[in-house]
Amino acid sequence: MRRHVPGKDVAVGVVTRTGSAVTVTLSGFADEPVFVGRRELALAPAGLPAQPYHAAADLEIDVAAGMIGQVERGAEKAGAAGLRVVADGLPAGTAILGVAVVVKAVSLPRSIPDVLRSHAWMHAAEGMLYREAVLAAARRHGWAAHAVDMSLLPAAERAVTELGRVAGRPWRKMEKDAARAAITLLPQSASRP
């Protein structure tokens, strides 16, 4: 296994929202992360609804399932293209340690008709759709894909504040959480293996 090279190896943290995502790329160590870059990714496929479960509410179930499937595939394809842009913007020889996507624990019904019975479940299903699309996109590139539960993100307040100072605006909760997710993939410190 290749040894971690600070400044050359990076971790990508991702926070999704309906139809898009924010990435924050870091290098260094968990206790001393270094800001590398940030990017917004469009995930909603052109010509399809960004909220497919909402759009499916008035459709026949077969048509609804087909449309939701198209959005899933399109979001994964868009996620793969967006992550490729992130990777292509890195210096030559940089290795991506992994992609950490912030997730929320949710319990959803298994069937589309059951999800469509609840407005809250539609929102939850759409959130899950975009998170899963980015995880699948990372795997498509051969990178380790990690789902990091929001409740398990490290506080890392001092590091996140410093990262935001270096990154500049915008440095919203989304960017902060994406940075915290990336930190979970960095080695702990230079002194600990």
N, C-alpha and C. Protein backbone atom coordinates (compact mmCIF):
# COMPACT_ATOMS: atom_id res chain seq x y z
N MET A 1 0.84 -1.20 0.00
CA MET A 1 0.00 0.00 0.00
C MET A 1 0.87 1.25 0.00
N ARG A 2 0.49 2.21 -0.79
CA ARG A 2 1.21 3.48 -0.90
C ARG A 2 1.05 4.27 0.38
N ARG A 3 2.12 4.89 0.83
CA ARG A 3 2.11 5.71 2.05
C ARG A 3 1.47 7.06 1.75
N HIS A 4 0.75 7.61 2.74
CA HIS A 4 0.10 8.92 2.60
C HIS A 4 1.14 10.00 2.34
N VAL A 5 0.88 10.82 1.33
CA VAL A 5 1.77 11.93 0.99
C VAL A 5 1.00 13.23 1.19
N PRO A 6 1.24 13.93 2.32
CA PRO A 6 0.54 15.18 2.56
C PRO A 6 0.79 16.16 1.41
N GLY A 7 -0.28 16.82 0.99
CA GLY A 7 -0.15 17.76 -0.10
C GLY A 7 -0.33 17.09 -1.46
N LYS A 8 -0.19 15.78 -1.52
CA LYS A 8 -0.40 15.03 -2.76
C LYS A 8 -1.66 14.18 -2.67
N ASP A 9 -1.95 13.64 -1.51
CA ASP A 9 -3.15 12.83 -1.33
C ASP A 9 -4.27 13.74 -0.83
N VAL A 10 -5.46 13.55 -1.39
CA VAL A 10 -6.58 14.40 -0.99
C VAL A 10 -7.81 13.56 -0.64
N ALA A 11 -8.67 14.16 0.15
CA ALA A 11 -9.98 13.58 0.47
C ALA A 11 -11.03 14.58 0.00
N VAL A 12 -12.09 14.05 -0.56
CA VAL A 12 -13.18 14.89 -1.07
C VAL A 12 -14.40 14.68 -0.18
N GLY A 13 -14.89 15.75 0.41
CA GLY A 13 -16.12 15.71 1.20
C GLY A 13 -17.26 16.28 0.36
N VAL A 14 -18.44 15.68 0.50
CA VAL A 14 -19.58 16.08 -0.33
C VAL A 14 -20.84 16.22 0.53
N VAL A 15 -21.56 17.30 0.29
CA VAL A 15 -22.91 17.46 0.84
C VAL A 15 -23.83 17.66 -0.35
N THR A 16 -24.88 16.86 -0.41
CA THR A 16 -25.85 16.99 -1.51
C THR A 16 -27.07 17.74 -1.03
N ARG A 17 -27.76 18.29 -2.00
CA ARG A 17 -29.08 18.87 -1.78
C ARG A 17 -29.88 18.51 -3.04
N THR A 18 -31.10 18.90 -3.12
CA THR A 18 -31.93 18.52 -4.25
C THR A 18 -31.31 19.02 -5.56
N GLY A 19 -30.81 18.08 -6.35
CA GLY A 19 -30.30 18.39 -7.67
C GLY A 19 -28.89 18.91 -7.76
N SER A 20 -28.19 19.04 -6.63
CA SER A 20 -26.83 19.56 -6.67
C SER A 20 -26.03 19.09 -5.47
N ALA A 21 -24.75 19.43 -5.48
CA ALA A 21 -23.87 19.06 -4.37
C ALA A 21 -22.76 20.09 -4.26
N VAL A 22 -22.15 20.13 -3.09
CA VAL A 22 -20.96 20.94 -2.85
C VAL A 22 -19.86 19.98 -2.45
N THR A 23 -18.68 20.16 -3.06
CA THR A 23 -17.51 19.37 -2.67
C THR A 23 -16.48 20.29 -2.03
N VAL A 24 -15.78 19.75 -1.04
CA VAL A 24 -14.62 20.42 -0.46
C VAL A 24 -13.50 19.39 -0.46
N THR A 25 -12.37 19.77 -1.05
CA THR A 25 -11.23 18.86 -1.16
C THR A 25 -10.13 19.34 -0.22
N LEU A 26 -9.62 18.38 0.58
CA LEU A 26 -8.60 18.68 1.58
C LEU A 26 -7.42 17.74 1.43
N SER A 27 -6.26 18.20 1.86
CA SER A 27 -5.09 17.34 1.99
C SER A 27 -4.58 17.49 3.41
N GLY A 28 -3.42 16.92 3.68
CA GLY A 28 -2.85 17.03 5.02
C GLY A 28 -3.32 15.92 5.93
N PHE A 29 -3.54 16.27 7.18
CA PHE A 29 -3.94 15.32 8.21
C PHE A 29 -5.21 15.81 8.90
N ALA A 30 -5.91 14.90 9.55
CA ALA A 30 -7.18 15.24 10.20
C ALA A 30 -7.00 16.36 11.22
N ASP A 31 -5.87 16.37 11.91
CA ASP A 31 -5.66 17.41 12.91
C ASP A 31 -5.05 18.68 12.32
N GLU A 32 -4.63 18.63 11.04
CA GLU A 32 -4.10 19.80 10.35
C GLU A 32 -4.48 19.74 8.87
N PRO A 33 -5.79 19.84 8.57
CA PRO A 33 -6.21 19.75 7.16
C PRO A 33 -5.80 21.00 6.38
N VAL A 34 -5.60 20.81 5.09
CA VAL A 34 -5.19 21.90 4.20
C VAL A 34 -6.25 22.02 3.10
N PHE A 35 -6.76 23.21 2.90
CA PHE A 35 -7.77 23.45 1.88
C PHE A 35 -7.14 23.34 0.49
N VAL A 36 -7.77 22.54 -0.36
CA VAL A 36 -7.30 22.37 -1.73
C VAL A 36 -8.27 23.02 -2.72
N GLY A 37 -9.56 22.83 -2.48
CA GLY A 37 -10.53 23.42 -3.40
C GLY A 37 -11.96 23.13 -3.02
N ARG A 38 -12.85 23.79 -3.71
CA ARG A 38 -14.29 23.60 -3.49
C ARG A 38 -14.97 23.74 -4.86
N ARG A 39 -16.07 23.03 -5.01
CA ARG A 39 -16.79 23.08 -6.29
C ARG A 39 -18.26 22.75 -6.04
N GLU A 40 -19.12 23.38 -6.81
CA GLU A 40 -20.54 23.02 -6.81
C GLU A 40 -20.78 22.11 -8.01
N LEU A 41 -21.53 21.06 -7.80
CA LEU A 41 -21.84 20.11 -8.87
C LEU A 41 -23.34 20.13 -9.16
N ALA A 42 -23.69 20.17 -10.41
CA ALA A 42 -25.09 20.01 -10.82
C ALA A 42 -25.35 18.52 -10.94
N LEU A 43 -26.38 18.03 -10.29
CA LEU A 43 -26.71 16.59 -10.32
C LEU A 43 -28.02 16.30 -11.03
N ALA A 44 -28.89 17.29 -11.13
CA ALA A 44 -30.20 17.05 -11.76
C ALA A 44 -30.00 16.94 -13.28
N PRO A 45 -30.43 15.83 -13.86
CA PRO A 45 -30.28 15.65 -15.30
C PRO A 45 -31.14 16.65 -16.09
N ALA A 46 -30.57 17.17 -17.16
CA ALA A 46 -31.31 18.12 -18.01
C ALA A 46 -32.57 17.47 -18.54
N GLY A 47 -33.65 18.23 -18.52
CA GLY A 47 -34.92 17.74 -19.07
C GLY A 47 -35.71 16.85 -18.14
N LEU A 48 -35.17 16.59 -16.96
CA LEU A 48 -35.88 15.77 -15.97
C LEU A 48 -36.07 16.58 -14.69
N PRO A 49 -37.07 16.25 -13.90
CA PRO A 49 -37.32 17.03 -12.67
C PRO A 49 -36.25 16.78 -11.62
N ALA A 50 -35.85 17.84 -10.94
CA ALA A 50 -34.89 17.71 -9.84
C ALA A 50 -35.54 17.00 -8.65
N GLN A 51 -36.86 17.09 -8.54
CA GLN A 51 -37.61 16.42 -7.46
C GLN A 51 -38.48 15.32 -8.09
N PRO A 52 -37.87 14.19 -8.44
CA PRO A 52 -38.60 13.18 -9.19
C PRO A 52 -39.76 12.53 -8.43
N TYR A 53 -39.65 12.39 -7.12
CA TYR A 53 -40.76 11.78 -6.38
C TYR A 53 -41.96 12.73 -6.35
N HIS A 54 -41.68 14.02 -6.23
CA HIS A 54 -42.77 15.00 -6.28
C HIS A 54 -43.43 14.97 -7.66
N ALA A 55 -42.61 14.92 -8.71
CA ALA A 55 -43.15 14.88 -10.07
C ALA A 55 -43.90 13.59 -10.34
N ALA A 56 -43.53 12.52 -9.65
CA ALA A 56 -44.15 11.20 -9.87
C ALA A 56 -45.50 11.06 -9.18
N ALA A 57 -45.82 11.96 -8.28
CA ALA A 57 -47.02 11.81 -7.45
C ALA A 57 -48.31 11.63 -8.26
N ASP A 58 -48.39 12.26 -9.42
CA ASP A 58 -49.62 12.19 -10.22
C ASP A 58 -49.50 11.27 -11.43
N LEU A 59 -48.43 10.49 -11.49
CA LEU A 59 -48.21 9.60 -12.64
C LEU A 59 -48.63 8.17 -12.33
N GLU A 60 -48.89 7.41 -13.37
CA GLU A 60 -49.10 5.97 -13.21
C GLU A 60 -47.81 5.39 -12.65
N ILE A 61 -47.90 4.35 -11.85
CA ILE A 61 -46.75 3.84 -11.12
C ILE A 61 -45.63 3.38 -12.06
N ASP A 62 -45.95 2.75 -13.18
CA ASP A 62 -44.90 2.30 -14.11
C ASP A 62 -44.16 3.49 -14.71
N VAL A 63 -44.90 4.52 -15.08
CA VAL A 63 -44.31 5.74 -15.64
C VAL A 63 -43.47 6.43 -14.56
N ALA A 64 -44.00 6.50 -13.34
CA ALA A 64 -43.29 7.12 -12.23
C ALA A 64 -41.97 6.40 -11.95
N ALA A 65 -42.02 5.08 -11.90
CA ALA A 65 -40.81 4.29 -11.62
C ALA A 65 -39.77 4.50 -12.73
N GLY A 66 -40.21 4.55 -13.97
CA GLY A 66 -39.29 4.78 -15.09
C GLY A 66 -38.63 6.14 -15.01
N MET A 67 -39.42 7.16 -14.69
CA MET A 67 -38.88 8.52 -14.60
C MET A 67 -37.90 8.64 -13.42
N ILE A 68 -38.25 8.05 -12.28
CA ILE A 68 -37.35 8.09 -11.11
C ILE A 68 -36.05 7.37 -11.45
N GLY A 69 -36.14 6.25 -12.14
CA GLY A 69 -34.93 5.53 -12.57
C GLY A 69 -34.06 6.36 -13.50
N GLN A 70 -34.69 7.11 -14.41
CA GLN A 70 -33.93 7.99 -15.31
C GLN A 70 -33.19 9.06 -14.51
N VAL A 71 -33.85 9.64 -13.51
CA VAL A 71 -33.21 10.66 -12.69
C VAL A 71 -32.06 10.04 -11.90
N GLU A 72 -32.25 8.84 -11.36
CA GLU A 72 -31.17 8.17 -10.62
C GLU A 72 -29.94 7.98 -11.51
N ARG A 73 -30.16 7.44 -12.71
CA ARG A 73 -29.04 7.19 -13.63
C ARG A 73 -28.40 8.50 -14.09
N GLY A 74 -29.23 9.49 -14.37
CA GLY A 74 -28.71 10.78 -14.80
C GLY A 74 -27.93 11.48 -13.70
N ALA A 75 -28.40 11.38 -12.46
CA ALA A 75 -27.70 12.01 -11.34
C ALA A 75 -26.35 11.33 -11.11
N GLU A 76 -26.30 10.01 -11.25
CA GLU A 76 -25.02 9.30 -11.10
C GLU A 76 -24.05 9.73 -12.19
N LYS A 77 -24.54 9.82 -13.42
CA LYS A 77 -23.70 10.24 -14.54
C LYS A 77 -23.19 11.67 -14.32
N ALA A 78 -24.07 12.57 -13.89
CA ALA A 78 -23.68 13.95 -13.61
C ALA A 78 -22.69 14.01 -12.45
N GLY A 79 -22.92 13.18 -11.42
CA GLY A 79 -22.00 13.12 -10.29
C GLY A 79 -20.63 12.64 -10.71
N ALA A 80 -20.59 11.63 -11.58
CA ALA A 80 -19.30 11.11 -12.07
C ALA A 80 -18.57 12.20 -12.87
N ALA A 81 -19.31 12.93 -13.70
CA ALA A 81 -18.69 14.00 -14.48
C ALA A 81 -18.17 15.11 -13.56
N GLY A 82 -18.96 15.47 -12.55
CA GLY A 82 -18.54 16.51 -11.62
C GLY A 82 -17.32 16.11 -10.81
N LEU A 83 -17.30 14.86 -10.33
CA LEU A 83 -16.14 14.39 -9.58
C LEU A 83 -14.91 14.31 -10.48
N ARG A 84 -15.11 13.99 -11.76
CA ARG A 84 -13.99 13.97 -12.71
C ARG A 84 -13.40 15.37 -12.85
N VAL A 85 -14.25 16.39 -12.89
CA VAL A 85 -13.77 17.78 -12.97
C VAL A 85 -12.95 18.12 -11.73
N VAL A 86 -13.43 17.68 -10.56
CA VAL A 86 -12.67 17.90 -9.31
C VAL A 86 -11.30 17.24 -9.44
N ALA A 87 -11.26 15.98 -9.85
CA ALA A 87 -10.00 15.25 -9.96
C ALA A 87 -9.07 15.87 -11.00
N ASP A 88 -9.64 16.28 -12.13
CA ASP A 88 -8.82 16.86 -13.20
C ASP A 88 -8.21 18.20 -12.80
N GLY A 89 -8.79 18.86 -11.80
CA GLY A 89 -8.26 20.13 -11.33
C GLY A 89 -7.13 19.98 -10.32
N LEU A 90 -6.81 18.75 -9.96
CA LEU A 90 -5.75 18.50 -8.99
C LEU A 90 -4.41 18.41 -9.70
N PRO A 91 -3.32 18.73 -9.00
CA PRO A 91 -2.00 18.60 -9.61
C PRO A 91 -1.72 17.15 -10.02
N ALA A 92 -0.91 16.99 -11.04
CA ALA A 92 -0.53 15.65 -11.51
C ALA A 92 0.07 14.85 -10.36
N GLY A 93 -0.27 13.59 -10.29
CA GLY A 93 0.26 12.71 -9.26
C GLY A 93 -0.53 12.71 -7.96
N THR A 94 -1.57 13.52 -7.88
CA THR A 94 -2.38 13.57 -6.67
C THR A 94 -3.29 12.34 -6.62
N ALA A 95 -3.32 11.69 -5.47
CA ALA A 95 -4.18 10.53 -5.28
C ALA A 95 -5.41 10.94 -4.47
N ILE A 96 -6.56 10.43 -4.87
CA ILE A 96 -7.78 10.68 -4.11
C ILE A 96 -7.95 9.54 -3.12
N LEU A 97 -7.86 9.88 -1.83
CA LEU A 97 -7.99 8.89 -0.77
C LEU A 97 -9.40 8.31 -0.72
N GLY A 98 -10.37 9.13 -1.06
CA GLY A 98 -11.75 8.69 -1.05
C GLY A 98 -12.69 9.87 -1.13
N VAL A 99 -13.96 9.54 -1.27
CA VAL A 99 -15.03 10.53 -1.33
C VAL A 99 -15.97 10.23 -0.18
N ALA A 100 -16.18 11.21 0.69
CA ALA A 100 -17.04 11.05 1.86
C ALA A 100 -18.30 11.88 1.66
N VAL A 101 -19.43 11.21 1.59
CA VAL A 101 -20.71 11.88 1.37
C VAL A 101 -21.47 11.92 2.69
N VAL A 102 -21.89 13.10 3.09
CA VAL A 102 -22.66 13.26 4.33
C VAL A 102 -24.06 12.68 4.10
N VAL A 103 -24.47 11.80 5.00
CA VAL A 103 -25.79 11.18 4.90
C VAL A 103 -26.55 11.40 6.20
N LYS A 104 -27.86 11.24 6.10
CA LYS A 104 -28.75 11.31 7.27
C LYS A 104 -29.44 9.97 7.38
N ALA A 105 -29.55 9.49 8.59
CA ALA A 105 -30.26 8.23 8.80
C ALA A 105 -31.73 8.45 8.52
N VAL A 106 -32.27 7.69 7.58
CA VAL A 106 -33.70 7.79 7.28
C VAL A 106 -34.24 6.39 7.06
N SER A 107 -35.48 6.24 7.39
CA SER A 107 -36.17 4.98 7.17
C SER A 107 -37.30 5.25 6.19
N LEU A 108 -37.20 4.61 5.04
CA LEU A 108 -38.20 4.82 3.99
C LEU A 108 -38.91 3.52 3.65
N PRO A 109 -40.14 3.62 3.19
CA PRO A 109 -40.81 2.43 2.67
C PRO A 109 -40.03 1.93 1.45
N ARG A 110 -40.14 0.66 1.14
CA ARG A 110 -39.39 0.07 0.03
C ARG A 110 -40.02 0.34 -1.33
N SER A 111 -41.31 0.57 -1.38
CA SER A 111 -41.97 0.70 -2.68
C SER A 111 -42.25 2.17 -3.01
N ILE A 112 -42.20 2.48 -4.29
CA ILE A 112 -42.49 3.84 -4.75
C ILE A 112 -43.90 4.27 -4.36
N PRO A 113 -44.93 3.43 -4.55
CA PRO A 113 -46.27 3.88 -4.15
C PRO A 113 -46.36 4.26 -2.67
N ASP A 114 -45.65 3.51 -1.82
CA ASP A 114 -45.67 3.84 -0.39
C ASP A 114 -44.95 5.16 -0.12
N VAL A 115 -43.82 5.40 -0.79
CA VAL A 115 -43.10 6.67 -0.62
C VAL A 115 -44.00 7.83 -1.05
N LEU A 116 -44.72 7.65 -2.15
CA LEU A 116 -45.55 8.72 -2.69
C LEU A 116 -46.74 9.07 -1.81
N ARG A 117 -47.01 8.28 -0.80
CA ARG A 117 -48.13 8.56 0.12
C ARG A 117 -47.79 9.66 1.14
N SER A 118 -46.50 10.00 1.24
CA SER A 118 -46.10 10.97 2.27
C SER A 118 -45.17 12.02 1.66
N HIS A 119 -45.53 13.28 1.84
CA HIS A 119 -44.70 14.38 1.34
C HIS A 119 -43.32 14.32 1.99
N ALA A 120 -43.26 14.04 3.27
CA ALA A 120 -41.97 13.95 3.97
C ALA A 120 -41.13 12.81 3.40
N TRP A 121 -41.74 11.68 3.10
CA TRP A 121 -41.00 10.56 2.50
C TRP A 121 -40.49 10.91 1.11
N MET A 122 -41.26 11.70 0.35
CA MET A 122 -40.79 12.12 -0.98
C MET A 122 -39.50 12.93 -0.85
N HIS A 123 -39.49 13.87 0.09
CA HIS A 123 -38.27 14.66 0.31
C HIS A 123 -37.11 13.76 0.75
N ALA A 124 -37.37 12.86 1.66
CA ALA A 124 -36.32 11.97 2.15
C ALA A 124 -35.80 11.08 1.02
N ALA A 125 -36.69 10.58 0.18
CA ALA A 125 -36.28 9.71 -0.93
C ALA A 125 -35.43 10.49 -1.93
N GLU A 126 -35.78 11.74 -2.19
CA GLU A 126 -34.98 12.55 -3.10
C GLU A 126 -33.60 12.84 -2.53
N GLY A 127 -33.54 13.11 -1.24
CA GLY A 127 -32.23 13.31 -0.61
C GLY A 127 -31.37 12.07 -0.72
N MET A 128 -31.97 10.92 -0.47
CA MET A 128 -31.25 9.65 -0.57
C MET A 128 -30.80 9.40 -2.01
N LEU A 129 -31.66 9.71 -2.97
CA LEU A 129 -31.34 9.50 -4.38
C LEU A 129 -30.04 10.23 -4.75
N TYR A 130 -29.91 11.49 -4.39
CA TYR A 130 -28.72 12.26 -4.76
C TYR A 130 -27.49 11.83 -3.97
N ARG A 131 -27.65 11.48 -2.71
CA ARG A 131 -26.50 10.99 -1.94
C ARG A 131 -25.99 9.68 -2.54
N GLU A 132 -26.90 8.76 -2.83
CA GLU A 132 -26.52 7.48 -3.41
C GLU A 132 -25.90 7.66 -4.79
N ALA A 133 -26.38 8.64 -5.56
CA ALA A 133 -25.82 8.89 -6.89
C ALA A 133 -24.35 9.30 -6.80
N VAL A 134 -24.01 10.15 -5.83
CA VAL A 134 -22.62 10.59 -5.69
C VAL A 134 -21.75 9.44 -5.19
N LEU A 135 -22.25 8.64 -4.27
CA LEU A 135 -21.48 7.47 -3.81
C LEU A 135 -21.21 6.51 -4.97
N ALA A 136 -22.23 6.26 -5.79
CA ALA A 136 -22.06 5.38 -6.95
C ALA A 136 -21.09 6.00 -7.95
N ALA A 137 -21.15 7.31 -8.12
CA ALA A 137 -20.24 8.00 -9.05
C ALA A 137 -18.79 7.85 -8.59
N ALA A 138 -18.55 7.96 -7.29
CA ALA A 138 -17.19 7.79 -6.77
C ALA A 138 -16.69 6.37 -7.04
N ARG A 139 -17.55 5.39 -6.78
CA ARG A 139 -17.17 3.99 -7.04
C ARG A 139 -16.90 3.76 -8.52
N ARG A 140 -17.68 4.42 -9.37
CA ARG A 140 -17.50 4.30 -10.82
C ARG A 140 -16.08 4.71 -11.22
N HIS A 141 -15.52 5.69 -10.52
CA HIS A 141 -14.15 6.13 -10.79
C HIS A 141 -13.10 5.27 -10.10
N GLY A 142 -13.53 4.32 -9.29
CA GLY A 142 -12.59 3.47 -8.58
C GLY A 142 -12.09 4.06 -7.27
N TRP A 143 -12.75 5.10 -6.78
CA TRP A 143 -12.36 5.72 -5.52
C TRP A 143 -13.19 5.12 -4.39
N ALA A 144 -12.61 5.06 -3.21
CA ALA A 144 -13.35 4.60 -2.04
C ALA A 144 -14.49 5.57 -1.77
N ALA A 145 -15.69 5.04 -1.61
CA ALA A 145 -16.88 5.86 -1.36
C ALA A 145 -17.35 5.59 0.06
N HIS A 146 -17.47 6.64 0.84
CA HIS A 146 -17.85 6.52 2.25
C HIS A 146 -19.10 7.34 2.54
N ALA A 147 -20.09 6.71 3.13
CA ALA A 147 -21.26 7.41 3.63
C ALA A 147 -20.97 7.77 5.08
N VAL A 148 -20.95 9.05 5.39
CA VAL A 148 -20.62 9.51 6.74
C VAL A 148 -21.87 10.12 7.34
N ASP A 149 -22.37 9.49 8.38
CA ASP A 149 -23.58 9.99 9.03
C ASP A 149 -23.32 11.38 9.61
N MET A 150 -24.24 12.28 9.34
CA MET A 150 -24.10 13.66 9.80
C MET A 150 -23.83 13.74 11.30
N SER A 151 -24.45 12.85 12.07
CA SER A 151 -24.27 12.89 13.53
C SER A 151 -22.86 12.47 13.95
N LEU A 152 -22.09 11.87 13.05
CA LEU A 152 -20.75 11.41 13.37
C LEU A 152 -19.65 12.31 12.82
N LEU A 153 -20.03 13.41 12.19
CA LEU A 153 -19.01 14.34 11.69
C LEU A 153 -18.23 14.92 12.86
N PRO A 154 -16.91 15.04 12.72
CA PRO A 154 -16.13 15.64 13.81
C PRO A 154 -16.45 17.14 13.92
N ALA A 155 -16.37 17.66 15.12
CA ALA A 155 -16.63 19.09 15.31
C ALA A 155 -15.54 19.90 14.62
N ALA A 156 -14.30 19.61 14.91
CA ALA A 156 -13.14 20.23 14.27
C ALA A 156 -13.33 21.73 14.07
N GLU A 157 -13.87 22.40 15.07
CA GLU A 157 -14.25 23.80 14.92
C GLU A 157 -13.09 24.70 14.51
N ARG A 158 -11.96 24.54 15.18
CA ARG A 158 -10.81 25.40 14.87
C ARG A 158 -10.33 25.15 13.44
N ALA A 159 -10.23 23.88 13.06
CA ALA A 159 -9.78 23.54 11.71
C ALA A 159 -10.77 24.05 10.66
N VAL A 160 -12.07 23.86 10.89
CA VAL A 160 -13.08 24.29 9.92
C VAL A 160 -13.10 25.82 9.79
N THR A 161 -12.91 26.52 10.88
CA THR A 161 -12.83 27.99 10.83
C THR A 161 -11.63 28.43 10.01
N GLU A 162 -10.49 27.81 10.23
CA GLU A 162 -9.28 28.16 9.47
C GLU A 162 -9.44 27.81 7.99
N LEU A 163 -10.03 26.65 7.70
CA LEU A 163 -10.28 26.26 6.32
C LEU A 163 -11.16 27.30 5.63
N GLY A 164 -12.19 27.77 6.33
CA GLY A 164 -13.09 28.78 5.78
C GLY A 164 -12.38 30.11 5.52
N ARG A 165 -11.46 30.46 6.40
CA ARG A 165 -10.69 31.69 6.21
C ARG A 165 -9.86 31.59 4.93
N VAL A 166 -9.24 30.43 4.71
CA VAL A 166 -8.42 30.22 3.52
C VAL A 166 -9.30 30.12 2.27
N ALA A 167 -10.41 29.42 2.38
CA ALA A 167 -11.30 29.19 1.22
C ALA A 167 -12.00 30.46 0.78
N GLY A 168 -12.36 31.31 1.74
CA GLY A 168 -13.14 32.50 1.42
C GLY A 168 -14.62 32.14 1.28
N ARG A 169 -15.40 33.14 0.92
CA ARG A 169 -16.84 32.94 0.78
C ARG A 169 -17.16 32.29 -0.55
N PRO A 170 -18.21 31.49 -0.64
CA PRO A 170 -19.12 31.14 0.46
C PRO A 170 -18.53 30.04 1.34
N TRP A 171 -18.80 30.12 2.61
CA TRP A 171 -18.39 29.09 3.57
C TRP A 171 -19.58 28.86 4.51
N ARG A 172 -20.61 28.27 3.89
CA ARG A 172 -21.87 28.01 4.59
C ARG A 172 -21.79 26.68 5.34
N LYS A 173 -22.89 26.31 5.96
CA LYS A 173 -22.96 25.03 6.67
C LYS A 173 -22.64 23.88 5.72
N MET A 174 -23.08 23.98 4.47
CA MET A 174 -22.80 22.90 3.50
C MET A 174 -21.31 22.70 3.30
N GLU A 175 -20.58 23.79 3.09
CA GLU A 175 -19.14 23.68 2.89
C GLU A 175 -18.46 23.19 4.16
N LYS A 176 -18.91 23.67 5.30
CA LYS A 176 -18.32 23.24 6.58
C LYS A 176 -18.53 21.74 6.78
N ASP A 177 -19.75 21.26 6.51
CA ASP A 177 -20.02 19.83 6.67
C ASP A 177 -19.25 18.99 5.64
N ALA A 178 -19.11 19.50 4.43
CA ALA A 178 -18.31 18.78 3.43
C ALA A 178 -16.86 18.70 3.88
N ALA A 179 -16.33 19.78 4.47
CA ALA A 179 -14.96 19.77 4.99
C ALA A 179 -14.84 18.76 6.13
N ARG A 180 -15.83 18.74 7.02
CA ARG A 180 -15.80 17.77 8.14
C ARG A 180 -15.82 16.33 7.61
N ALA A 181 -16.59 16.10 6.55
CA ALA A 181 -16.64 14.75 5.96
C ALA A 181 -15.28 14.39 5.38
N ALA A 182 -14.64 15.32 4.68
CA ALA A 182 -13.32 15.06 4.11
C ALA A 182 -12.31 14.76 5.22
N ILE A 183 -12.39 15.48 6.32
CA ILE A 183 -11.48 15.26 7.45
C ILE A 183 -11.54 13.82 7.94
N THR A 184 -12.72 13.21 7.87
CA THR A 184 -12.84 11.82 8.36
C THR A 184 -12.00 10.84 7.55
N LEU A 185 -11.59 11.22 6.34
CA LEU A 185 -10.79 10.33 5.50
C LEU A 185 -9.29 10.59 5.58
N LEU A 186 -8.91 11.71 6.19
CA LEU A 186 -7.49 12.03 6.30
C LEU A 186 -6.85 11.25 7.44
N PRO A 187 -5.57 10.90 7.32
CA PRO A 187 -4.88 10.25 8.44
C PRO A 187 -4.90 11.18 9.66
N GLN A 188 -4.84 10.59 10.84
CA GLN A 188 -5.01 11.36 12.07
C GLN A 188 -3.96 12.45 12.27
N SER A 189 -2.68 12.11 12.14
CA SER A 189 -1.63 13.14 12.32
C SER A 189 -0.33 12.63 11.71
N ALA A 190 0.58 13.56 11.57
CA ALA A 190 1.89 13.21 11.03
C ALA A 190 2.65 12.30 11.98
N SER A 191 2.37 12.41 13.29
CA SER A 191 3.11 11.62 14.26
C SER A 191 2.52 10.24 14.50
N ARG A 192 1.24 10.03 14.11
CA ARG A 192 0.60 8.72 14.28
C ARG A 192 0.39 8.09 12.91
N PRO A 193 0.77 6.82 12.75
CA PRO A 193 0.57 6.16 11.46
C PRO A 193 -0.88 5.93 11.11
